[in-house]
Amino acid sequence: MAAANKQGKMQGLINYRLRVTMMDGRQMAGQMLAFDKHMNLVLADTEEFRRVKRKPNKSAAPGQAEPQFVETEEKRTLGLTIVRGAHIVASTVEGPPPADPSARL
């Protein structure tokens, strides 16, 4: 019965914009089109966000400690994606479904 309740909640989120956090720290944001019993998700218009640590390009000013790494967030557009349910840690609603379903086409 608990599985049916979870599927009911997920069914209510079809066409909503979700942000999914994965085990490796990446996040994917997109419109959920479908899901299955394994929590595999189909996301449309997906964007991937990941935190990257890099060495700084320029040296610090004299007398200041030089930072070892600079952390930035990279964004990349993926489009239509399938996210494996075993890799999903969390999912949150980012926005409601579009008011006009044909606006996406």
PDB file of N, CA and C in Angstrom:
ATOM      1  N   MET A   1       0.829  -1.197   0.000  1.00  0.00           N
ATOM      2  CA  MET A   1       0.000   0.000   0.000  1.00  0.00           C
ATOM      3  C   MET A   1       0.870   1.257   0.000  1.00  0.00           C
ATOM      4  N   ALA A   2       2.004   1.201   0.663  1.00  0.00           N
ATOM      5  CA  ALA A   2       2.889   2.368   0.704  1.00  0.00           C
ATOM      6  C   ALA A   2       3.430   2.688  -0.677  1.00  0.00           C
ATOM      7  N   ALA A   3       3.730   1.645  -1.475  1.00  0.00           N
ATOM      8  CA  ALA A   3       4.252   1.874  -2.827  1.00  0.00           C
ATOM      9  C   ALA A   3       3.193   2.549  -3.697  1.00  0.00           C
ATOM     10  N   ALA A   4       1.944   2.149  -3.544  1.00  0.00           N
ATOM     11  CA  ALA A   4       0.875   2.760  -4.328  1.00  0.00           C
ATOM     12  C   ALA A   4       0.707   4.227  -3.957  1.00  0.00           C
ATOM     13  N   ASN A   5       0.865   4.551  -2.677  1.00  0.00           N
ATOM     14  CA  ASN A   5       0.746   5.935  -2.228  1.00  0.00           C
ATOM     15  C   ASN A   5       1.868   6.788  -2.814  1.00  0.00           C
ATOM     16  N   LYS A   6       3.099   6.248  -2.837  1.00  0.00           N
ATOM     17  CA  LYS A   6       4.227   6.979  -3.414  1.00  0.00           C
ATOM     18  C   LYS A   6       4.006   7.212  -4.900  1.00  0.00           C
ATOM     19  N   GLN A   7       3.498   6.193  -5.595  1.00  0.00           N
ATOM     20  CA  GLN A   7       3.232   6.363  -7.024  1.00  0.00           C
ATOM     21  C   GLN A   7       2.155   7.404  -7.243  1.00  0.00           C
ATOM     22  N   GLY A   8       1.191   7.483  -6.332  1.00  0.00           N
ATOM     23  CA  GLY A   8       0.152   8.495  -6.444  1.00  0.00           C
ATOM     24  C   GLY A   8       0.722   9.892  -6.311  1.00  0.00           C
ATOM     25  N   LYS A   9       1.677  10.065  -5.389  1.00  0.00           N
ATOM     26  CA  LYS A   9       2.319  11.373  -5.229  1.00  0.00           C
ATOM     27  C   LYS A   9       3.141  11.716  -6.458  1.00  0.00           C
ATOM     28  N   MET A  10       3.885  10.747  -6.969  1.00  0.00           N
ATOM     29  CA  MET A  10       4.708  10.989  -8.159  1.00  0.00           C
ATOM     30  C   MET A  10       3.819  11.267  -9.373  1.00  0.00           C
ATOM     31  N   GLN A  11       2.715  10.563  -9.465  1.00  0.00           N
ATOM     32  CA  GLN A  11       1.791  10.778 -10.581  1.00  0.00           C
ATOM     33  C   GLN A  11       1.274  12.213 -10.574  1.00  0.00           C
ATOM     34  N   GLY A  12       1.078  12.766  -9.394  1.00  0.00           N
ATOM     35  CA  GLY A  12       0.619  14.145  -9.279  1.00  0.00           C
ATOM     36  C   GLY A  12       1.670  15.170  -9.676  1.00  0.00           C
ATOM     37  N   LEU A  13       2.932  14.741  -9.790  1.00  0.00           N
ATOM     38  CA  LEU A  13       4.016  15.658 -10.160  1.00  0.00           C
ATOM     39  C   LEU A  13       4.372  15.603 -11.644  1.00  0.00           C
ATOM     40  N   ILE A  14       3.644  14.823 -12.411  1.00  0.00           N
ATOM     41  CA  ILE A  14       3.898  14.772 -13.858  1.00  0.00           C
ATOM     42  C   ILE A  14       3.747  16.185 -14.426  1.00  0.00           C
ATOM     43  N   ASN A  15       4.685  16.579 -15.267  1.00  0.00           N
ATOM     44  CA  ASN A  15       4.782  17.894 -15.923  1.00  0.00           C
ATOM     45  C   ASN A  15       5.289  19.003 -15.003  1.00  0.00           C
ATOM     46  N   TYR A  16       5.482  18.726 -13.720  1.00  0.00           N
ATOM     47  CA  TYR A  16       6.100  19.718 -12.835  1.00  0.00           C
ATOM     48  C   TYR A  16       7.589  19.807 -13.140  1.00  0.00           C
ATOM     49  N   ARG A  17       8.183  20.940 -12.826  1.00  0.00           N
ATOM     50  CA  ARG A  17       9.631  21.094 -12.962  1.00  0.00           C
ATOM     51  C   ARG A  17      10.272  20.616 -11.663  1.00  0.00           C
ATOM     52  N   LEU A  18      11.160  19.615 -11.752  1.00  0.00           N
ATOM     53  CA  LEU A  18      11.811  19.024 -10.588  1.00  0.00           C
ATOM     54  C   LEU A  18      13.310  19.293 -10.618  1.00  0.00           C
ATOM     55  N   ARG A  19      13.906  19.333  -9.436  1.00  0.00           N
ATOM     56  CA  ARG A  19      15.370  19.356  -9.294  1.00  0.00           C
ATOM     57  C   ARG A  19      15.738  18.069  -8.576  1.00  0.00           C
ATOM     58  N   VAL A  20      16.543  17.243  -9.238  1.00  0.00           N
ATOM     59  CA  VAL A  20      16.930  15.932  -8.732  1.00  0.00           C
ATOM     60  C   VAL A  20      18.394  15.980  -8.319  1.00  0.00           C
ATOM     61  N   THR A  21      18.697  15.563  -7.091  1.00  0.00           N
ATOM     62  CA  THR A  21      20.078  15.477  -6.610  1.00  0.00           C
ATOM     63  C   THR A  21      20.530  14.034  -6.727  1.00  0.00           C
ATOM     64  N   MET A  22      21.721  13.844  -7.320  1.00  0.00           N
ATOM     65  CA  MET A  22      22.232  12.497  -7.563  1.00  0.00           C
ATOM     66  C   MET A  22      23.334  12.148  -6.570  1.00  0.00           C
ATOM     67  N   MET A  23      23.696  10.880  -6.503  1.00  0.00           N
ATOM     68  CA  MET A  23      24.679  10.385  -5.533  1.00  0.00           C
ATOM     69  C   MET A  23      26.039  11.056  -5.683  1.00  0.00           C
ATOM     70  N   ASP A  24      26.428  11.420  -6.886  1.00  0.00           N
ATOM     71  CA  ASP A  24      27.745  12.023  -7.108  1.00  0.00           C
ATOM     72  C   ASP A  24      27.743  13.534  -6.897  1.00  0.00           C
ATOM     73  N   GLY A  25      26.612  14.089  -6.452  1.00  0.00           N
ATOM     74  CA  GLY A  25      26.548  15.517  -6.145  1.00  0.00           C
ATOM     75  C   GLY A  25      25.962  16.369  -7.253  1.00  0.00           C
ATOM     76  N   ARG A  26      25.835  15.821  -8.446  1.00  0.00           N
ATOM     77  CA  ARG A  26      25.230  16.596  -9.532  1.00  0.00           C
ATOM     78  C   ARG A  26      23.750  16.812  -9.254  1.00  0.00           C
ATOM     79  N   GLN A  27      23.223  17.879  -9.843  1.00  0.00           N
ATOM     80  CA  GLN A  27      21.791  18.139  -9.770  1.00  0.00           C
ATOM     81  C   GLN A  27      21.275  18.312 -11.188  1.00  0.00           C
ATOM     82  N   MET A  28      20.086  17.794 -11.437  1.00  0.00           N
ATOM     83  CA  MET A  28      19.449  17.941 -12.737  1.00  0.00           C
ATOM     84  C   MET A  28      18.087  18.566 -12.525  1.00  0.00           C
ATOM     85  N   ALA A  29      17.794  19.583 -13.317  1.00  0.00           N
ATOM     86  CA  ALA A  29      16.502  20.254 -13.238  1.00  0.00           C
ATOM     87  C   ALA A  29      15.815  20.116 -14.586  1.00  0.00           C
ATOM     88  N   GLY A  30      14.574  19.653 -14.565  1.00  0.00           N
ATOM     89  CA  GLY A  30      13.829  19.497 -15.808  1.00  0.00           C
ATOM     90  C   GLY A  30      12.379  19.167 -15.529  1.00  0.00           C
ATOM     91  N   GLN A  31      11.586  19.152 -16.588  1.00  0.00           N
ATOM     92  CA  GLN A  31      10.159  18.857 -16.478  1.00  0.00           C
ATOM     93  C   GLN A  31       9.970  17.344 -16.491  1.00  0.00           C
ATOM     94  N   MET A  32       9.371  16.794 -15.435  1.00  0.00           N
ATOM     95  CA  MET A  32       9.184  15.348 -15.348  1.00  0.00           C
ATOM     96  C   MET A  32       8.063  14.899 -16.271  1.00  0.00           C
ATOM     97  N   LEU A  33       8.413  14.020 -17.206  1.00  0.00           N
ATOM     98  CA  LEU A  33       7.426  13.499 -18.141  1.00  0.00           C
ATOM     99  C   LEU A  33       6.928  12.121 -17.730  1.00  0.00           C
ATOM    100  N   ALA A  34       7.801  11.308 -17.101  1.00  0.00           N
ATOM    101  CA  ALA A  34       7.408   9.943 -16.744  1.00  0.00           C
ATOM    102  C   ALA A  34       8.312   9.407 -15.644  1.00  0.00           C
ATOM    103  N   PHE A  35       7.853   8.321 -15.002  1.00  0.00           N
ATOM    104  CA  PHE A  35       8.628   7.605 -13.992  1.00  0.00           C
ATOM    105  C   PHE A  35       8.169   6.160 -14.002  1.00  0.00           C
ATOM    106  N   ASP A  36       8.941   5.289 -13.347  1.00  0.00           N
ATOM    107  CA  ASP A  36       8.532   3.892 -13.248  1.00  0.00           C
ATOM    108  C   ASP A  36       8.709   3.382 -11.817  1.00  0.00           C
ATOM    109  N   LYS A  37       8.523   2.074 -11.625  1.00  0.00           N
ATOM    110  CA  LYS A  37       8.574   1.507 -10.273  1.00  0.00           C
ATOM    111  C   LYS A  37       9.963   1.569  -9.656  1.00  0.00           C
ATOM    112  N   HIS A  38      11.004   1.763 -10.464  1.00  0.00           N
ATOM    113  CA  HIS A  38      12.370   1.872  -9.958  1.00  0.00           C
ATOM    114  C   HIS A  38      12.760   3.320  -9.693  1.00  0.00           C
ATOM    115  N   MET A  39      11.831   4.239  -9.865  1.00  0.00           N
ATOM    116  CA  MET A  39      12.053   5.688  -9.719  1.00  0.00           C
ATOM    117  C   MET A  39      12.971   6.249 -10.805  1.00  0.00           C
ATOM    118  N   ASN A  40      13.097   5.527 -11.934  1.00  0.00           N
ATOM    119  CA  ASN A  40      13.768   6.112 -13.087  1.00  0.00           C
ATOM    120  C   ASN A  40      12.889   7.261 -13.556  1.00  0.00           C
ATOM    121  N   LEU A  41      13.498   8.397 -13.893  1.00  0.00           N
ATOM    122  CA  LEU A  41      12.732   9.573 -14.303  1.00  0.00           C
ATOM    123  C   LEU A  41      13.076   9.955 -15.729  1.00  0.00           C
ATOM    124  N   VAL A  42      12.085  10.414 -16.459  1.00  0.00           N
ATOM    125  CA  VAL A  42      12.303  11.026 -17.767  1.00  0.00           C
ATOM    126  C   VAL A  42      12.083  12.521 -17.578  1.00  0.00           C
ATOM    127  N   LEU A  43      13.137  13.303 -17.840  1.00  0.00           N
ATOM    128  CA  LEU A  43      13.075  14.755 -17.676  1.00  0.00           C
ATOM    129  C   LEU A  43      13.273  15.425 -19.024  1.00  0.00           C
ATOM    130  N   ALA A  44      12.442  16.425 -19.310  1.00  0.00           N
ATOM    131  CA  ALA A  44      12.568  17.205 -20.545  1.00  0.00           C
ATOM    132  C   ALA A  44      13.205  18.547 -20.224  1.00  0.00           C
ATOM    133  N   ASP A  45      13.861  19.136 -21.214  1.00  0.00           N
ATOM    134  CA  ASP A  45      14.515  20.453 -21.066  1.00  0.00           C
ATOM    135  C   ASP A  45      15.436  20.448 -19.845  1.00  0.00           C
ATOM    136  N   THR A  46      16.233  19.413 -19.709  1.00  0.00           N
ATOM    137  CA  THR A  46      17.055  19.208 -18.519  1.00  0.00           C
ATOM    138  C   THR A  46      18.324  20.046 -18.553  1.00  0.00           C
ATOM    139  N   GLU A  47      18.649  20.598 -17.396  1.00  0.00           N
ATOM    140  CA  GLU A  47      19.921  21.294 -17.197  1.00  0.00           C
ATOM    141  C   GLU A  47      20.641  20.599 -16.053  1.00  0.00           C
ATOM    142  N   GLU A  48      21.950  20.382 -16.233  1.00  0.00           N
ATOM    143  CA  GLU A  48      22.770  19.732 -15.212  1.00  0.00           C
ATOM    144  C   GLU A  48      23.611  20.787 -14.506  1.00  0.00           C
ATOM    145  N   PHE A  49      23.664  20.698 -13.185  1.00  0.00           N
ATOM    146  CA  PHE A  49      24.470  21.612 -12.374  1.00  0.00           C
ATOM    147  C   PHE A  49      25.448  20.773 -11.563  1.00  0.00           C
ATOM    148  N   ARG A  50      26.721  21.184 -11.563  1.00  0.00           N
ATOM    149  CA  ARG A  50      27.704  20.480 -10.738  1.00  0.00           C
ATOM    150  C   ARG A  50      28.725  21.450 -10.192  1.00  0.00           C
ATOM    151  N   ARG A  51      29.200  21.160  -8.980  1.00  0.00           N
ATOM    152  CA  ARG A  51      30.210  21.980  -8.311  1.00  0.00           C
ATOM    153  C   ARG A  51      31.580  21.452  -8.716  1.00  0.00           C
ATOM    154  N   VAL A  52      32.468  22.372  -9.147  1.00  0.00           N
ATOM    155  CA  VAL A  52      33.801  21.997  -9.609  1.00  0.00           C
ATOM    156  C   VAL A  52      34.834  22.782  -8.823  1.00  0.00           C
ATOM    157  N   LYS A  53      35.861  22.089  -8.338  1.00  0.00           N
ATOM    158  CA  LYS A  53      36.970  22.757  -7.647  1.00  0.00           C
ATOM    159  C   LYS A  53      38.140  22.839  -8.618  1.00  0.00           C
ATOM    160  N   ARG A  54      38.660  24.042  -8.800  1.00  0.00           N
ATOM    161  CA  ARG A  54      39.794  24.263  -9.698  1.00  0.00           C
ATOM    162  C   ARG A  54      40.858  25.083  -8.998  1.00  0.00           C
ATOM    163  N   LYS A  55      42.069  24.958  -9.502  1.00  0.00           N
ATOM    164  CA  LYS A  55      43.151  25.797  -8.996  1.00  0.00           C
ATOM    165  C   LYS A  55      42.941  27.207  -9.518  1.00  0.00           C
ATOM    166  N   PRO A  56      43.242  28.222  -8.717  1.00  0.00           N
ATOM    167  CA  PRO A  56      43.061  29.608  -9.180  1.00  0.00           C
ATOM    168  C   PRO A  56      44.034  29.925 -10.317  1.00  0.00           C
ATOM    169  N   ASN A  57      43.565  30.751 -11.280  1.00  0.00           N
ATOM    170  CA  ASN A  57      44.383  31.121 -12.432  1.00  0.00           C
ATOM    171  C   ASN A  57      45.477  32.104 -12.054  1.00  0.00           C
ATOM    172  N   LYS A  58      45.130  33.113 -11.271  1.00  0.00           N
ATOM    173  CA  LYS A  58      46.081  34.171 -10.920  1.00  0.00           C
ATOM    174  C   LYS A  58      46.609  33.951  -9.513  1.00  0.00           C
ATOM    175  N   SER A  59      47.829  34.356  -9.299  1.00  0.00           N
ATOM    176  CA  SER A  59      48.385  34.245  -7.952  1.00  0.00           C
ATOM    177  C   SER A  59      47.829  35.366  -7.076  1.00  0.00           C
ATOM    178  N   ALA A  60      47.815  35.127  -5.790  1.00  0.00           N
ATOM    179  CA  ALA A  60      47.277  36.108  -4.841  1.00  0.00           C
ATOM    180  C   ALA A  60      48.221  37.301  -4.730  1.00  0.00           C
ATOM    181  N   ALA A  61      47.698  38.397  -4.226  1.00  0.00           N
ATOM    182  CA  ALA A  61      48.504  39.610  -4.020  1.00  0.00           C
ATOM    183  C   ALA A  61      49.587  39.318  -2.981  1.00  0.00           C
ATOM    184  N   PRO A  62      50.695  40.027  -3.049  1.00  0.00           N
ATOM    185  CA  PRO A  62      51.776  39.788  -2.080  1.00  0.00           C
ATOM    186  C   PRO A  62      51.288  39.972  -0.647  1.00  0.00           C
ATOM    187  N   GLY A  63      51.674  39.049   0.215  1.00  0.00           N
ATOM    188  CA  GLY A  63      51.299  39.144   1.622  1.00  0.00           C
ATOM    189  C   GLY A  63      49.999  38.434   1.957  1.00  0.00           C
ATOM    190  N   GLN A  64      49.255  37.964   0.949  1.00  0.00           N
ATOM    191  CA  GLN A  64      47.995  37.267   1.200  1.00  0.00           C
ATOM    192  C   GLN A  64      48.187  35.776   0.937  1.00  0.00           C
ATOM    193  N   ALA A  65      47.455  34.982   1.686  1.00  0.00           N
ATOM    194  CA  ALA A  65      47.517  33.536   1.478  1.00  0.00           C
ATOM    195  C   ALA A  65      46.833  33.193   0.161  1.00  0.00           C
ATOM    196  N   GLU A  66      47.435  32.304  -0.575  1.00  0.00           N
ATOM    197  CA  GLU A  66      46.875  31.910  -1.869  1.00  0.00           C
ATOM    198  C   GLU A  66      45.844  30.804  -1.649  1.00  0.00           C
ATOM    199  N   PRO A  67      44.623  30.982  -2.168  1.00  0.00           N
ATOM    200  CA  PRO A  67      43.624  29.926  -2.011  1.00  0.00           C
ATOM    201  C   PRO A  67      44.044  28.695  -2.816  1.00  0.00           C
ATOM    202  N   GLN A  68      43.856  27.526  -2.217  1.00  0.00           N
ATOM    203  CA  GLN A  68      44.270  26.309  -2.912  1.00  0.00           C
ATOM    204  C   GLN A  68      43.321  25.972  -4.053  1.00  0.00           C
ATOM    205  N   PHE A  69      42.019  26.106  -3.823  1.00  0.00           N
ATOM    206  CA  PHE A  69      41.043  25.775  -4.850  1.00  0.00           C
ATOM    207  C   PHE A  69      39.934  26.820  -4.861  1.00  0.00           C
ATOM    208  N   VAL A  70      39.378  27.035  -6.029  1.00  0.00           N
ATOM    209  CA  VAL A  70      38.219  27.907  -6.187  1.00  0.00           C
ATOM    210  C   VAL A  70      37.067  27.009  -6.628  1.00  0.00           C
ATOM    211  N   GLU A  71      35.941  27.085  -5.911  1.00  0.00           N
ATOM    212  CA  GLU A  71      34.794  26.245  -6.228  1.00  0.00           C
ATOM    213  C   GLU A  71      33.792  27.049  -7.050  1.00  0.00           C
ATOM    214  N   THR A  72      33.416  26.512  -8.199  1.00  0.00           N
ATOM    215  CA  THR A  72      32.431  27.158  -9.066  1.00  0.00           C
ATOM    216  C   THR A  72      31.343  26.152  -9.421  1.00  0.00           C
ATOM    217  N   GLU A  73      30.221  26.672  -9.892  1.00  0.00           N
ATOM    218  CA  GLU A  73      29.143  25.803 -10.343  1.00  0.00           C
ATOM    219  C   GLU A  73      29.071  25.873 -11.861  1.00  0.00           C
ATOM    220  N   GLU A  74      29.128  24.708 -12.502  1.00  0.00           N
ATOM    221  CA  GLU A  74      29.017  24.639 -13.954  1.00  0.00           C
ATOM    222  C   GLU A  74      27.615  24.183 -14.318  1.00  0.00           C
ATOM    223  N   LYS A  75      27.103  24.750 -15.400  1.00  0.00           N
ATOM    224  CA  LYS A  75      25.763  24.416 -15.871  1.00  0.00           C
ATOM    225  C   LYS A  75      25.883  23.929 -17.306  1.00  0.00           C
ATOM    226  N   ARG A  76      25.133  22.880 -17.636  1.00  0.00           N
ATOM    227  CA  ARG A  76      25.157  22.375 -19.001  1.00  0.00           C
ATOM    228  C   ARG A  76      23.748  21.944 -19.375  1.00  0.00           C
ATOM    229  N   THR A  77      23.348  22.229 -20.592  1.00  0.00           N
ATOM    230  CA  THR A  77      22.016  21.881 -21.083  1.00  0.00           C
ATOM    231  C   THR A  77      22.064  20.494 -21.706  1.00  0.00           C
ATOM    232  N   LEU A  78      21.170  19.606 -21.253  1.00  0.00           N
ATOM    233  CA  LEU A  78      21.158  18.229 -21.736  1.00  0.00           C
ATOM    234  C   LEU A  78      19.953  17.918 -22.612  1.00  0.00           C
ATOM    235  N   GLY A  79      18.824  18.582 -22.393  1.00  0.00           N
ATOM    236  CA  GLY A  79      17.621  18.276 -23.171  1.00  0.00           C
ATOM    237  C   GLY A  79      16.835  17.147 -22.527  1.00  0.00           C
ATOM    238  N   LEU A  80      16.416  16.154 -23.336  1.00  0.00           N
ATOM    239  CA  LEU A  80      15.619  15.029 -22.847  1.00  0.00           C
ATOM    240  C   LEU A  80      16.553  13.983 -22.232  1.00  0.00           C
ATOM    241  N   THR A  81      16.320  13.630 -20.971  1.00  0.00           N
ATOM    242  CA  THR A  81      17.204  12.686 -20.278  1.00  0.00           C
ATOM    243  C   THR A  81      16.404  11.640 -19.517  1.00  0.00           C
ATOM    244  N   ILE A  82      17.061  10.507 -19.292  1.00  0.00           N
ATOM    245  CA  ILE A  82      16.541   9.476 -18.394  1.00  0.00           C
ATOM    246  C   ILE A  82      17.510   9.400 -17.227  1.00  0.00           C
ATOM    247  N   VAL A  83      17.006   9.576 -16.019  1.00  0.00           N
ATOM    248  CA  VAL A  83      17.836   9.530 -14.817  1.00  0.00           C
ATOM    249  C   VAL A  83      17.521   8.228 -14.092  1.00  0.00           C
ATOM    250  N   ARG A  84      18.548   7.428 -13.866  1.00  0.00           N
ATOM    251  CA  ARG A  84      18.368   6.139 -13.202  1.00  0.00           C
ATOM    252  C   ARG A  84      17.981   6.346 -11.737  1.00  0.00           C
ATOM    253  N   GLY A  85      16.933   5.656 -11.309  1.00  0.00           N
ATOM    254  CA  GLY A  85      16.413   5.813  -9.955  1.00  0.00           C
ATOM    255  C   GLY A  85      17.402   5.445  -8.868  1.00  0.00           C
ATOM    256  N   ALA A  86      18.295   4.480  -9.134  1.00  0.00           N
ATOM    257  CA  ALA A  86      19.278   4.053  -8.136  1.00  0.00           C
ATOM    258  C   ALA A  86      20.289   5.151  -7.832  1.00  0.00           C
ATOM    259  N   HIS A  87      20.430   6.130  -8.712  1.00  0.00           N
ATOM    260  CA  HIS A  87      21.396   7.213  -8.520  1.00  0.00           C
ATOM    261  C   HIS A  87      20.779   8.446  -7.877  1.00  0.00           C
ATOM    262  N   ILE A  88      19.455   8.445  -7.682  1.00  0.00           N
ATOM    263  CA  ILE A  88      18.761   9.613  -7.142  1.00  0.00           C
ATOM    264  C   ILE A  88      18.796   9.588  -5.615  1.00  0.00           C
ATOM    265  N   VAL A  89      19.221  10.709  -5.026  1.00  0.00           N
ATOM    266  CA  VAL A  89      19.236  10.856  -3.570  1.00  0.00           C
ATOM    267  C   VAL A  89      17.998  11.613  -3.109  1.00  0.00           C
ATOM    268  N   ALA A  90      17.638  12.682  -3.826  1.00  0.00           N
ATOM    269  CA  ALA A  90      16.499  13.512  -3.434  1.00  0.00           C
ATOM    270  C   ALA A  90      15.920  14.192  -4.665  1.00  0.00           C
ATOM    271  N   SER A  91      14.659  14.558  -4.568  1.00  0.00           N
ATOM    272  CA  SER A  91      14.034  15.352  -5.629  1.00  0.00           C
ATOM    273  C   SER A  91      13.124  16.387  -4.980  1.00  0.00           C
ATOM    274  N   THR A  92      13.146  17.590  -5.538  1.00  0.00           N
ATOM    275  CA  THR A  92      12.315  18.672  -5.024  1.00  0.00           C
ATOM    276  C   THR A  92      11.582  19.332  -6.177  1.00  0.00           C
ATOM    277  N   VAL A  93      10.424  19.877  -5.874  1.00  0.00           N
ATOM    278  CA  VAL A  93       9.648  20.590  -6.885  1.00  0.00           C
ATOM    279  C   VAL A  93      10.240  21.980  -7.043  1.00  0.00           C
ATOM    280  N   GLU A  94      10.551  22.325  -8.288  1.00  0.00           N
ATOM    281  CA  GLU A  94      11.127  23.634  -8.576  1.00  0.00           C
ATOM    282  C   GLU A  94      10.086  24.591  -9.146  1.00  0.00           C
ATOM    283  N   GLY A  95       9.055  24.053  -9.786  1.00  0.00           N
ATOM    284  CA  GLY A  95       8.032  24.916 -10.354  1.00  0.00           C
ATOM    285  C   GLY A  95       6.830  24.114 -10.819  1.00  0.00           C
ATOM    286  N   PRO A  96       5.698  24.794 -11.003  1.00  0.00           N
ATOM    287  CA  PRO A  96       4.473  24.125 -11.440  1.00  0.00           C
ATOM    288  C   PRO A  96       4.542  23.777 -12.923  1.00  0.00           C
ATOM    289  N   PRO A  97       3.607  22.946 -13.383  1.00  0.00           N
ATOM    290  CA  PRO A  97       3.581  22.650 -14.817  1.00  0.00           C
ATOM    291  C   PRO A  97       3.240  23.909 -15.606  1.00  0.00           C
ATOM    292  N   PRO A  98       3.633  23.968 -16.880  1.00  0.00           N
ATOM    293  CA  PRO A  98       3.309  25.154 -17.674  1.00  0.00           C
ATOM    294  C   PRO A  98       1.795  25.319 -17.809  1.00  0.00           C
ATOM    295  N   ALA A  99       1.343  26.560 -17.831  1.00  0.00           N
ATOM    296  CA  ALA A  99      -0.092  26.839 -17.948  1.00  0.00           C
ATOM    297  C   ALA A  99      -0.618  26.379 -19.302  1.00  0.00           C
ATOM    298  N   ASP A 100       0.191  26.574 -20.358  1.00  0.00           N
ATOM    299  CA  ASP A 100      -0.202  26.175 -21.709  1.00  0.00           C
ATOM    300  C   ASP A 100       0.652  24.976 -22.124  1.00  0.00           C
ATOM    301  N   PRO A 101       0.069  23.768 -22.170  1.00  0.00           N
ATOM    302  CA  PRO A 101       0.863  22.578 -22.494  1.00  0.00           C
ATOM    303  C   PRO A 101       1.527  22.643 -23.870  1.00  0.00           C
ATOM    304  N   SER A 102       0.951  23.363 -24.802  1.00  0.00           N
ATOM    305  CA  SER A 102       1.534  23.440 -26.147  1.00  0.00           C
ATOM    306  C   SER A 102       2.662  24.466 -26.217  1.00  0.00           C
ATOM    307  N   ALA A 103       2.900  25.231 -25.149  1.00  0.00           N
ATOM    308  CA  ALA A 103       3.944  26.260 -25.159  1.00  0.00           C
ATOM    309  C   ALA A 103       5.328  25.642 -25.264  1.00  0.00           C
ATOM    310  N   ARG A 104       5.499  24.408 -24.809  1.00  0.00           N
ATOM    311  CA  ARG A 104       6.792  23.745 -24.845  1.00  0.00           C
ATOM    312  C   ARG A 104       7.175  23.335 -26.260  1.00  0.00           C
ATOM    313  N   LEU A 105       6.209  23.135 -27.125  1.00  0.00           N
ATOM    314  CA  LEU A 105       6.486  22.638 -28.486  1.00  0.00           C
ATOM    315  C   LEU A 105       7.002  23.684 -29.394  1.00  0.00           C
TER     316      LEU A 105
END
